[in-house]
């Protein structure tokens, strides 16, 4: 057997070995739908039985409303909840770009900023108080700050609403994954 035949044989052997290792690694992966039936029942039914703590401010209320809608698929809050979600939301607005060459106060140059909405949450079973899932998540919305004051206030509120909805979707996915196990 020549040297080039041995090298070709080694390459084929390595390719077969690498393919077998890849198939072995993939055999351990499990993929199933997020809202499928888990070992304890239907994930959708478990999500629909979550009560969410009352909100302290407007942004927290936006997150709460979006979570109620996502969890119950629009049916509202449960009468006999099996789970309680304690939710604590904070938010802040910050500028990231400032125009330092502004010589005219009459122009309508926009500055850029971001709204950061953070939430700490704890999902517990109502009957036992056992924690099912706890965590913290953050969502960011980018905004433009115009010079006109009402437009600036409206831009901040719209950014808060966008970040609140995104945060609710992230938390909802976390909870659905935990309940689906």
C-alpha atoms as a PDB file:
ATOM      1  CA  UNK A   1       0.000   0.000   0.000  1.00  0.00           C
ATOM      2  CA  UNK A   2       1.415   3.356  -0.994  1.00  0.00           C
ATOM      3  CA  UNK A   3       1.770   6.378   1.261  1.00  0.00           C
ATOM      4  CA  UNK A   4      -1.054   8.283  -0.480  1.00  0.00           C
ATOM      5  CA  UNK A   5      -3.410   5.253  -0.101  1.00  0.00           C
ATOM      6  CA  UNK A   6      -2.715   5.148   3.629  1.00  0.00           C
ATOM      7  CA  UNK A   7      -3.360   8.893   3.996  1.00  0.00           C
ATOM      8  CA  UNK A   8      -6.665   8.567   2.099  1.00  0.00           C
ATOM      9  CA  UNK A   9      -7.649   5.605   4.259  1.00  0.00           C
ATOM     10  CA  UNK A  10      -6.899   7.574   7.427  1.00  0.00           C
ATOM     11  CA  UNK A  11      -8.983  10.517   6.208  1.00  0.00           C
ATOM     12  CA  UNK A  12     -11.940   8.224   5.490  1.00  0.00           C
ATOM     13  CA  UNK A  13     -11.547   6.542   8.875  1.00  0.00           C
ATOM     14  CA  UNK A  14     -11.418   9.914  10.604  1.00  0.00           C
ATOM     15  CA  UNK A  15     -14.515  11.110   8.708  1.00  0.00           C
ATOM     16  CA  UNK A  16     -16.450   7.985   9.701  1.00  0.00           C
ATOM     17  CA  UNK A  17     -15.302   8.354  13.323  1.00  0.00           C
ATOM     18  CA  UNK A  18     -16.229  12.072  13.428  1.00  0.00           C
ATOM     19  CA  UNK A  19     -19.649  11.308  11.918  1.00  0.00           C
ATOM     20  CA  UNK A  20     -20.291   8.579  14.483  1.00  0.00           C
ATOM     21  CA  UNK A  21     -19.294  10.913  17.339  1.00  0.00           C
ATOM     22  CA  UNK A  22     -21.582  13.642  16.011  1.00  0.00           C
ATOM     23  CA  UNK A  23     -24.522  11.243  15.794  1.00  0.00           C
ATOM     24  CA  UNK A  24     -23.816  10.011  19.323  1.00  0.00           C
ATOM     25  CA  UNK A  25     -23.781  13.582  20.650  1.00  0.00           C
ATOM     26  CA  UNK A  26     -27.015  14.448  18.861  1.00  0.00           C
ATOM     27  CA  UNK A  27     -28.754  11.338  20.176  1.00  0.00           C
ATOM     28  CA  UNK A  28     -28.695  12.879  23.675  1.00  0.00           C
ATOM     29  CA  UNK A  29     -30.520  16.030  22.545  1.00  0.00           C
ATOM     30  CA  UNK A  30     -34.228  16.297  23.151  1.00  0.00           C
ATOM     31  CA  UNK A  31     -36.394  18.689  21.243  1.00  0.00           C
ATOM     32  CA  UNK A  32     -40.070  19.066  22.032  1.00  0.00           C
ATOM     33  CA  UNK A  33     -42.594  21.869  21.721  1.00  0.00           C
ATOM     34  CA  UNK A  34     -42.649  24.394  24.573  1.00  0.00           C
ATOM     35  CA  UNK A  35     -46.383  24.006  25.181  1.00  0.00           C
ATOM     36  CA  UNK A  36     -46.508  20.219  24.916  1.00  0.00           C
ATOM     37  CA  UNK A  37     -47.724  17.944  27.683  1.00  0.00           C
ATOM     38  CA  UNK A  38     -45.060  17.571  30.353  1.00  0.00           C
ATOM     39  CA  UNK A  39     -44.877  14.911  33.042  1.00  0.00           C
ATOM     40  CA  UNK A  40     -47.241  16.868  35.324  1.00  0.00           C
ATOM     41  CA  UNK A  41     -49.890  17.779  32.736  1.00  0.00           C
ATOM     42  CA  UNK A  42     -50.499  20.372  30.102  1.00  0.00           C
ATOM     43  CA  UNK A  43     -48.174  23.364  30.094  1.00  0.00           C
ATOM     44  CA  UNK A  44     -50.918  25.607  28.712  1.00  0.00           C
ATOM     45  CA  UNK A  45     -53.260  24.645  31.557  1.00  0.00           C
ATOM     46  CA  UNK A  46     -50.506  25.270  34.126  1.00  0.00           C
ATOM     47  CA  UNK A  47     -49.781  28.691  32.612  1.00  0.00           C
ATOM     48  CA  UNK A  48     -53.475  29.572  32.745  1.00  0.00           C
ATOM     49  CA  UNK A  49     -53.521  28.826  36.487  1.00  0.00           C
ATOM     50  CA  UNK A  50     -50.938  31.468  37.481  1.00  0.00           C
ATOM     51  CA  UNK A  51     -51.936  34.465  39.582  1.00  0.00           C
ATOM     52  CA  UNK A  52     -49.632  37.469  39.291  1.00  0.00           C
ATOM     53  CA  UNK A  53     -48.913  39.947  42.088  1.00  0.00           C
ATOM     54  CA  UNK A  54     -50.373  43.446  41.930  1.00  0.00           C
ATOM     55  CA  UNK A  55     -48.355  46.191  40.251  1.00  0.00           C
ATOM     56  CA  UNK A  56     -46.837  49.215  41.993  1.00  0.00           C
ATOM     57  CA  UNK A  57     -46.444  51.548  38.989  1.00  0.00           C
ATOM     58  CA  UNK A  58     -47.420  51.980  35.326  1.00  0.00           C
ATOM     59  CA  UNK A  59     -44.496  50.056  33.797  1.00  0.00           C
ATOM     60  CA  UNK A  60     -44.944  47.144  36.189  1.00  0.00           C
ATOM     61  CA  UNK A  61     -48.652  47.152  35.292  1.00  0.00           C
ATOM     62  CA  UNK A  62     -47.720  46.916  31.597  1.00  0.00           C
ATOM     63  CA  UNK A  63     -45.510  43.891  32.300  1.00  0.00           C
ATOM     64  CA  UNK A  64     -48.212  42.322  34.472  1.00  0.00           C
ATOM     65  CA  UNK A  65     -50.959  42.853  31.872  1.00  0.00           C
ATOM     66  CA  UNK A  66     -48.818  41.318  29.124  1.00  0.00           C
ATOM     67  CA  UNK A  67     -47.992  38.324  31.344  1.00  0.00           C
ATOM     68  CA  UNK A  68     -51.647  37.760  32.219  1.00  0.00           C
ATOM     69  CA  UNK A  69     -52.543  37.837  28.529  1.00  0.00           C
ATOM     70  CA  UNK A  70     -49.673  35.527  27.519  1.00  0.00           C
ATOM     71  CA  UNK A  71     -50.249  33.019  30.332  1.00  0.00           C
ATOM     72  CA  UNK A  72     -53.994  32.684  29.890  1.00  0.00           C
ATOM     73  CA  UNK A  73     -54.097  33.111  26.101  1.00  0.00           C
ATOM     74  CA  UNK A  74     -56.416  36.084  26.580  1.00  0.00           C
ATOM     75  CA  UNK A  75     -58.821  34.390  29.016  1.00  0.00           C
ATOM     76  CA  UNK A  76     -57.867  36.584  32.010  1.00  0.00           C
ATOM     77  CA  UNK A  77     -56.786  35.667  35.509  1.00  0.00           C
ATOM     78  CA  UNK A  78     -57.639  32.285  37.071  1.00  0.00           C
ATOM     79  CA  UNK A  79     -60.334  31.868  39.721  1.00  0.00           C
ATOM     80  CA  UNK A  80     -58.458  29.102  41.599  1.00  0.00           C
ATOM     81  CA  UNK A  81     -54.745  29.668  40.943  1.00  0.00           C
ATOM     82  CA  UNK A  82     -52.297  26.809  41.393  1.00  0.00           C
ATOM     83  CA  UNK A  83     -49.249  29.079  41.104  1.00  0.00           C
ATOM     84  CA  UNK A  84     -48.344  32.574  42.319  1.00  0.00           C
ATOM     85  CA  UNK A  85     -45.905  34.804  40.439  1.00  0.00           C
ATOM     86  CA  UNK A  86     -44.303  37.489  42.618  1.00  0.00           C
ATOM     87  CA  UNK A  87     -43.121  40.219  40.270  1.00  0.00           C
ATOM     88  CA  UNK A  88     -40.935  43.241  41.045  1.00  0.00           C
ATOM     89  CA  UNK A  89     -40.213  45.557  38.106  1.00  0.00           C
ATOM     90  CA  UNK A  90     -37.888  48.562  37.976  1.00  0.00           C
ATOM     91  CA  UNK A  91     -37.109  50.866  35.062  1.00  0.00           C
ATOM     92  CA  UNK A  92     -34.863  53.751  34.165  1.00  0.00           C
ATOM     93  CA  UNK A  93     -34.343  56.085  31.257  1.00  0.00           C
ATOM     94  CA  UNK A  94     -30.912  57.219  30.177  1.00  0.00           C
ATOM     95  CA  UNK A  95     -29.429  59.246  27.355  1.00  0.00           C
ATOM     96  CA  UNK A  96     -26.620  57.742  25.348  1.00  0.00           C
ATOM     97  CA  UNK A  97     -25.833  60.393  22.726  1.00  0.00           C
ATOM     98  CA  UNK A  98     -25.685  64.117  23.387  1.00  0.00           C
ATOM     99  CA  UNK A  99     -25.285  66.785  20.705  1.00  0.00           C
ATOM    100  CA  UNK A 100     -22.458  69.051  21.881  1.00  0.00           C
ATOM    101  CA  UNK A 101     -22.389  71.179  18.694  1.00  0.00           C
ATOM    102  CA  UNK A 102     -25.886  72.628  19.237  1.00  0.00           C
ATOM    103  CA  UNK A 103     -25.629  76.394  18.575  1.00  0.00           C
ATOM    104  CA  UNK A 104     -29.323  77.049  17.885  1.00  0.00           C
ATOM    105  CA  UNK A 105     -31.962  76.357  20.520  1.00  0.00           C
ATOM    106  CA  UNK A 106     -34.792  76.443  17.942  1.00  0.00           C
ATOM    107  CA  UNK A 107     -33.833  73.342  15.952  1.00  0.00           C
ATOM    108  CA  UNK A 108     -35.428  69.952  16.548  1.00  0.00           C
ATOM    109  CA  UNK A 109     -32.351  67.701  16.800  1.00  0.00           C
ATOM    110  CA  UNK A 110     -33.049  64.371  18.435  1.00  0.00           C
ATOM    111  CA  UNK A 111     -30.809  62.821  21.044  1.00  0.00           C
ATOM    112  CA  UNK A 112     -30.700  59.062  21.515  1.00  0.00           C
ATOM    113  CA  UNK A 113     -31.453  57.149  24.658  1.00  0.00           C
ATOM    114  CA  UNK A 114     -32.556  53.839  26.042  1.00  0.00           C
ATOM    115  CA  UNK A 115     -35.144  52.561  28.460  1.00  0.00           C
ATOM    116  CA  UNK A 116     -34.030  49.650  30.660  1.00  0.00           C
ATOM    117  CA  UNK A 117     -36.772  47.592  32.324  1.00  0.00           C
ATOM    118  CA  UNK A 118     -35.697  44.903  34.814  1.00  0.00           C
ATOM    119  CA  UNK A 119     -37.780  42.343  36.672  1.00  0.00           C
ATOM    120  CA  UNK A 120     -37.145  39.958  39.537  1.00  0.00           C
ATOM    121  CA  UNK A 121     -39.698  37.161  39.660  1.00  0.00           C
ATOM    122  CA  UNK A 122     -40.487  34.121  41.765  1.00  0.00           C
ATOM    123  CA  UNK A 123     -43.023  31.483  40.700  1.00  0.00           C
ATOM    124  CA  UNK A 124     -44.290  29.355  43.593  1.00  0.00           C
ATOM    125  CA  UNK A 125     -46.875  26.631  44.005  1.00  0.00           C
ATOM    126  CA  UNK A 126     -49.842  28.081  45.881  1.00  0.00           C
ATOM    127  CA  UNK A 127     -50.519  24.929  47.915  1.00  0.00           C
ATOM    128  CA  UNK A 128     -46.980  24.315  49.189  1.00  0.00           C
ATOM    129  CA  UNK A 129     -45.081  27.575  48.697  1.00  0.00           C
ATOM    130  CA  UNK A 130     -42.376  25.621  46.841  1.00  0.00           C
ATOM    131  CA  UNK A 131     -40.430  27.727  44.331  1.00  0.00           C
ATOM    132  CA  UNK A 132     -40.835  26.445  40.779  1.00  0.00           C
ATOM    133  CA  UNK A 133     -38.745  29.099  39.050  1.00  0.00           C
ATOM    134  CA  UNK A 134     -37.061  32.312  40.151  1.00  0.00           C
ATOM    135  CA  UNK A 135     -34.912  34.697  38.217  1.00  0.00           C
ATOM    136  CA  UNK A 136     -34.342  38.166  36.873  1.00  0.00           C
ATOM    137  CA  UNK A 137     -34.546  39.437  33.322  1.00  0.00           C
ATOM    138  CA  UNK A 138     -33.899  42.705  31.500  1.00  0.00           C
ATOM    139  CA  UNK A 139     -35.284  44.292  28.339  1.00  0.00           C
ATOM    140  CA  UNK A 140     -33.993  47.419  26.598  1.00  0.00           C
ATOM    141  CA  UNK A 141     -35.823  49.753  24.216  1.00  0.00           C
ATOM    142  CA  UNK A 142     -33.997  52.413  22.219  1.00  0.00           C
ATOM    143  CA  UNK A 143     -35.613  55.848  21.833  1.00  0.00           C
ATOM    144  CA  UNK A 144     -35.017  59.225  20.218  1.00  0.00           C
ATOM    145  CA  UNK A 145     -35.390  62.289  22.443  1.00  0.00           C
ATOM    146  CA  UNK A 146     -36.764  65.213  20.437  1.00  0.00           C
ATOM    147  CA  UNK A 147     -36.533  68.779  21.763  1.00  0.00           C
ATOM    148  CA  UNK A 148     -40.300  69.157  22.060  1.00  0.00           C
ATOM    149  CA  UNK A 149     -41.256  68.190  25.609  1.00  0.00           C
ATOM    150  CA  UNK A 150     -44.531  66.360  24.881  1.00  0.00           C
ATOM    151  CA  UNK A 151     -42.866  64.340  22.109  1.00  0.00           C
ATOM    152  CA  UNK A 152     -40.068  63.408  24.517  1.00  0.00           C
ATOM    153  CA  UNK A 153     -42.553  62.253  27.183  1.00  0.00           C
ATOM    154  CA  UNK A 154     -44.459  60.220  24.572  1.00  0.00           C
ATOM    155  CA  UNK A 155     -41.234  58.663  23.245  1.00  0.00           C
ATOM    156  CA  UNK A 156     -40.258  57.576  26.764  1.00  0.00           C
ATOM    157  CA  UNK A 157     -43.718  56.082  27.408  1.00  0.00           C
ATOM    158  CA  UNK A 158     -43.689  54.202  24.096  1.00  0.00           C
ATOM    159  CA  UNK A 159     -40.199  52.869  24.857  1.00  0.00           C
ATOM    160  CA  UNK A 160     -41.323  51.730  28.307  1.00  0.00           C
ATOM    161  CA  UNK A 161     -44.319  49.931  26.761  1.00  0.00           C
ATOM    162  CA  UNK A 162     -42.123  48.158  24.177  1.00  0.00           C
ATOM    163  CA  UNK A 163     -39.590  47.070  26.800  1.00  0.00           C
ATOM    164  CA  UNK A 164     -42.374  45.925  29.164  1.00  0.00           C
ATOM    165  CA  UNK A 165     -43.960  43.751  26.483  1.00  0.00           C
ATOM    166  CA  UNK A 166     -40.596  42.235  25.520  1.00  0.00           C
ATOM    167  CA  UNK A 167     -39.787  41.567  29.175  1.00  0.00           C
ATOM    168  CA  UNK A 168     -43.152  39.838  29.677  1.00  0.00           C
ATOM    169  CA  UNK A 169     -42.468  37.575  26.687  1.00  0.00           C
ATOM    170  CA  UNK A 170     -39.051  36.619  28.065  1.00  0.00           C
ATOM    171  CA  UNK A 171     -40.429  35.877  31.542  1.00  0.00           C
ATOM    172  CA  UNK A 172     -43.375  33.985  30.022  1.00  0.00           C
ATOM    173  CA  UNK A 173     -40.996  31.758  28.048  1.00  0.00           C
ATOM    174  CA  UNK A 174     -38.921  31.088  31.195  1.00  0.00           C
ATOM    175  CA  UNK A 175     -42.019  30.112  33.155  1.00  0.00           C
ATOM    176  CA  UNK A 176     -43.422  27.950  30.355  1.00  0.00           C
ATOM    177  CA  UNK A 177     -40.112  26.091  30.121  1.00  0.00           C
ATOM    178  CA  UNK A 178     -40.104  25.510  33.886  1.00  0.00           C
ATOM    179  CA  UNK A 179     -43.709  24.289  33.929  1.00  0.00           C
ATOM    180  CA  UNK A 180     -43.135  22.057  30.905  1.00  0.00           C
ATOM    181  CA  UNK A 181     -40.548  19.919  32.668  1.00  0.00           C
END
